[in-house]
C-alpha atoms as a PDB file:
ATOM      1  CA  UNK A   1     -19.072  74.749 -70.406  1.00  0.00           C
ATOM      2  CA  UNK A   2     -18.481  71.736 -72.611  1.00  0.00           C
ATOM      3  CA  UNK A   3     -21.030  69.175 -73.744  1.00  0.00           C
ATOM      4  CA  UNK A   4     -20.616  65.528 -72.825  1.00  0.00           C
ATOM      5  CA  UNK A   5     -22.245  62.370 -74.127  1.00  0.00           C
ATOM      6  CA  UNK A   6     -24.155  59.852 -72.032  1.00  0.00           C
ATOM      7  CA  UNK A   7     -21.433  57.351 -72.928  1.00  0.00           C
ATOM      8  CA  UNK A   8     -18.889  59.442 -71.017  1.00  0.00           C
ATOM      9  CA  UNK A   9     -20.819  59.238 -67.732  1.00  0.00           C
ATOM     10  CA  UNK A  10     -19.181  56.779 -65.324  1.00  0.00           C
ATOM     11  CA  UNK A  11     -22.049  54.521 -64.278  1.00  0.00           C
ATOM     12  CA  UNK A  12     -19.596  51.685 -63.503  1.00  0.00           C
ATOM     13  CA  UNK A  13     -18.038  53.439 -60.505  1.00  0.00           C
ATOM     14  CA  UNK A  14     -21.354  53.304 -58.608  1.00  0.00           C
ATOM     15  CA  UNK A  15     -22.390  49.821 -59.677  1.00  0.00           C
ATOM     16  CA  UNK A  16     -24.502  51.124 -62.545  1.00  0.00           C
ATOM     17  CA  UNK A  17     -25.842  54.166 -60.703  1.00  0.00           C
ATOM     18  CA  UNK A  18     -24.818  57.800 -60.357  1.00  0.00           C
ATOM     19  CA  UNK A  19     -26.080  60.226 -57.705  1.00  0.00           C
ATOM     20  CA  UNK A  20     -28.385  62.968 -58.914  1.00  0.00           C
ATOM     21  CA  UNK A  21     -28.568  66.221 -56.968  1.00  0.00           C
ATOM     22  CA  UNK A  22     -31.840  68.012 -57.699  1.00  0.00           C
ATOM     23  CA  UNK A  23     -31.986  71.803 -57.567  1.00  0.00           C
ATOM     24  CA  UNK A  24     -34.994  74.097 -57.976  1.00  0.00           C
ATOM     25  CA  UNK A  25     -34.339  76.368 -60.961  1.00  0.00           C
ATOM     26  CA  UNK A  26     -36.022  79.467 -59.540  1.00  0.00           C
ATOM     27  CA  UNK A  27     -34.607  79.431 -55.988  1.00  0.00           C
ATOM     28  CA  UNK A  28     -31.407  77.377 -56.409  1.00  0.00           C
ATOM     29  CA  UNK A  29     -32.496  75.325 -53.356  1.00  0.00           C
ATOM     30  CA  UNK A  30     -31.387  71.704 -53.178  1.00  0.00           C
ATOM     31  CA  UNK A  31     -34.558  69.639 -53.198  1.00  0.00           C
ATOM     32  CA  UNK A  32     -33.332  66.058 -53.000  1.00  0.00           C
ATOM     33  CA  UNK A  33     -30.702  63.511 -53.944  1.00  0.00           C
ATOM     34  CA  UNK A  34     -31.587  60.378 -55.871  1.00  0.00           C
ATOM     35  CA  UNK A  35     -29.873  57.892 -58.189  1.00  0.00           C
ATOM     36  CA  UNK A  36     -30.061  57.277 -61.911  1.00  0.00           C
ATOM     37  CA  UNK A  37     -28.925  54.473 -64.117  1.00  0.00           C
ATOM     38  CA  UNK A  38     -28.421  54.969 -67.834  1.00  0.00           C
ATOM     39  CA  UNK A  39     -32.049  54.078 -68.597  1.00  0.00           C
ATOM     40  CA  UNK A  40     -33.354  56.671 -66.100  1.00  0.00           C
ATOM     41  CA  UNK A  41     -31.128  59.364 -67.582  1.00  0.00           C
ATOM     42  CA  UNK A  42     -32.205  58.509 -71.120  1.00  0.00           C
ATOM     43  CA  UNK A  43     -35.874  58.619 -70.082  1.00  0.00           C
ATOM     44  CA  UNK A  44     -35.315  61.994 -68.386  1.00  0.00           C
ATOM     45  CA  UNK A  45     -33.755  63.401 -71.544  1.00  0.00           C
ATOM     46  CA  UNK A  46     -36.457  61.865 -73.766  1.00  0.00           C
ATOM     47  CA  UNK A  47     -39.464  63.097 -71.756  1.00  0.00           C
ATOM     48  CA  UNK A  48     -38.153  66.236 -70.058  1.00  0.00           C
ATOM     49  CA  UNK A  49     -39.333  64.922 -66.670  1.00  0.00           C
ATOM     50  CA  UNK A  50     -37.095  63.550 -63.918  1.00  0.00           C
ATOM     51  CA  UNK A  51     -36.696  59.784 -63.825  1.00  0.00           C
ATOM     52  CA  UNK A  52     -34.642  57.879 -61.278  1.00  0.00           C
ATOM     53  CA  UNK A  53     -33.666  54.379 -60.264  1.00  0.00           C
ATOM     54  CA  UNK A  54     -35.265  53.332 -56.995  1.00  0.00           C
ATOM     55  CA  UNK A  55     -32.724  51.325 -55.021  1.00  0.00           C
ATOM     56  CA  UNK A  56     -35.399  50.089 -52.596  1.00  0.00           C
ATOM     57  CA  UNK A  57     -37.859  48.954 -55.287  1.00  0.00           C
ATOM     58  CA  UNK A  58     -35.217  47.970 -57.804  1.00  0.00           C
ATOM     59  CA  UNK A  59     -37.031  49.751 -60.613  1.00  0.00           C
ATOM     60  CA  UNK A  60     -37.220  52.876 -62.726  1.00  0.00           C
ATOM     61  CA  UNK A  61     -39.592  55.598 -61.495  1.00  0.00           C
ATOM     62  CA  UNK A  62     -40.803  58.941 -62.734  1.00  0.00           C
ATOM     63  CA  UNK A  63     -40.814  61.496 -59.926  1.00  0.00           C
ATOM     64  CA  UNK A  64     -44.418  62.403 -59.128  1.00  0.00           C
ATOM     65  CA  UNK A  65     -45.942  59.607 -61.193  1.00  0.00           C
ATOM     66  CA  UNK A  66     -48.517  58.847 -58.502  1.00  0.00           C
ATOM     67  CA  UNK A  67     -48.477  62.078 -56.431  1.00  0.00           C
ATOM     68  CA  UNK A  68     -48.480  64.552 -59.302  1.00  0.00           C
ATOM     69  CA  UNK A  69     -45.443  66.303 -57.767  1.00  0.00           C
ATOM     70  CA  UNK A  70     -43.406  66.104 -60.952  1.00  0.00           C
ATOM     71  CA  UNK A  71     -40.064  67.675 -61.787  1.00  0.00           C
ATOM     72  CA  UNK A  72     -39.804  69.359 -65.187  1.00  0.00           C
ATOM     73  CA  UNK A  73     -36.112  69.230 -66.043  1.00  0.00           C
ATOM     74  CA  UNK A  74     -34.678  72.489 -67.332  1.00  0.00           C
ATOM     75  CA  UNK A  75     -31.108  71.220 -67.753  1.00  0.00           C
ATOM     76  CA  UNK A  76     -28.804  68.390 -66.762  1.00  0.00           C
ATOM     77  CA  UNK A  77     -25.260  69.170 -65.677  1.00  0.00           C
ATOM     78  CA  UNK A  78     -22.454  66.634 -65.248  1.00  0.00           C
ATOM     79  CA  UNK A  79     -19.684  67.031 -62.682  1.00  0.00           C
ATOM     80  CA  UNK A  80     -15.989  67.130 -63.626  1.00  0.00           C
ATOM     81  CA  UNK A  81     -15.483  63.409 -62.854  1.00  0.00           C
ATOM     82  CA  UNK A  82     -18.562  62.478 -64.926  1.00  0.00           C
ATOM     83  CA  UNK A  83     -19.952  60.436 -62.022  1.00  0.00           C
ATOM     84  CA  UNK A  84     -22.606  62.779 -60.559  1.00  0.00           C
ATOM     85  CA  UNK A  85     -25.493  64.633 -62.196  1.00  0.00           C
ATOM     86  CA  UNK A  86     -27.305  67.833 -61.320  1.00  0.00           C
ATOM     87  CA  UNK A  87     -30.907  68.104 -62.481  1.00  0.00           C
ATOM     88  CA  UNK A  88     -32.070  71.738 -62.494  1.00  0.00           C
ATOM     89  CA  UNK A  89     -35.842  71.461 -62.301  1.00  0.00           C
ATOM     90  CA  UNK A  90     -39.106  73.259 -61.978  1.00  0.00           C
ATOM     91  CA  UNK A  91     -40.782  71.405 -59.103  1.00  0.00           C
ATOM     92  CA  UNK A  92     -44.566  71.054 -59.025  1.00  0.00           C
ATOM     93  CA  UNK A  93     -45.728  70.381 -55.485  1.00  0.00           C
ATOM     94  CA  UNK A  94     -43.379  68.735 -53.022  1.00  0.00           C
ATOM     95  CA  UNK A  95     -40.036  67.065 -53.683  1.00  0.00           C
ATOM     96  CA  UNK A  96     -40.141  65.197 -50.360  1.00  0.00           C
ATOM     97  CA  UNK A  97     -42.419  62.259 -49.594  1.00  0.00           C
ATOM     98  CA  UNK A  98     -43.037  63.934 -46.190  1.00  0.00           C
ATOM     99  CA  UNK A  99     -44.882  66.725 -48.037  1.00  0.00           C
ATOM    100  CA  UNK A 100     -42.040  69.229 -47.724  1.00  0.00           C
ATOM    101  CA  UNK A 101     -40.640  71.349 -50.531  1.00  0.00           C
ATOM    102  CA  UNK A 102     -37.141  69.931 -49.917  1.00  0.00           C
ATOM    103  CA  UNK A 103     -35.987  66.627 -48.460  1.00  0.00           C
ATOM    104  CA  UNK A 104     -33.415  68.632 -46.488  1.00  0.00           C
ATOM    105  CA  UNK A 105     -35.636  69.863 -43.662  1.00  0.00           C
ATOM    106  CA  UNK A 106     -34.021  68.003 -40.727  1.00  0.00           C
ATOM    107  CA  UNK A 107     -30.801  68.904 -38.977  1.00  0.00           C
ATOM    108  CA  UNK A 108     -28.308  67.302 -36.672  1.00  0.00           C
ATOM    109  CA  UNK A 109     -28.114  68.606 -33.107  1.00  0.00           C
ATOM    110  CA  UNK A 110     -25.871  71.605 -32.588  1.00  0.00           C
ATOM    111  CA  UNK A 111     -22.296  70.711 -33.336  1.00  0.00           C
ATOM    112  CA  UNK A 112     -18.876  72.398 -33.328  1.00  0.00           C
ATOM    113  CA  UNK A 113     -19.344  72.886 -37.086  1.00  0.00           C
ATOM    114  CA  UNK A 114     -21.972  75.525 -36.463  1.00  0.00           C
ATOM    115  CA  UNK A 115     -20.705  79.014 -35.744  1.00  0.00           C
ATOM    116  CA  UNK A 116     -21.851  80.537 -32.478  1.00  0.00           C
ATOM    117  CA  UNK A 117     -24.214  83.439 -32.949  1.00  0.00           C
END
């Protein structure tokens, strides 16, 4: 595994943002997907807590700032194209605003993609 610099992350491709997949360190479960700009990533690295760019509010936000459901970042991984991040976190409380551990708690109706049991 090689180290990369923030300057090598391709924020331009996504209009200044990169997707961030968030994974619980202890269970490996995917908790959520959010977006970060360079400022959010720098703040995450500086504080050790997950920061993101809110596309709806148009501002930087620390996950759990008001709810207390913070994400302590254990490590940040960068994909091979340097345009997506993976935050491996220790989640306190819920990752989802619907008070669920993961944002991925809904499913599409049965489809041909699902194997018959």
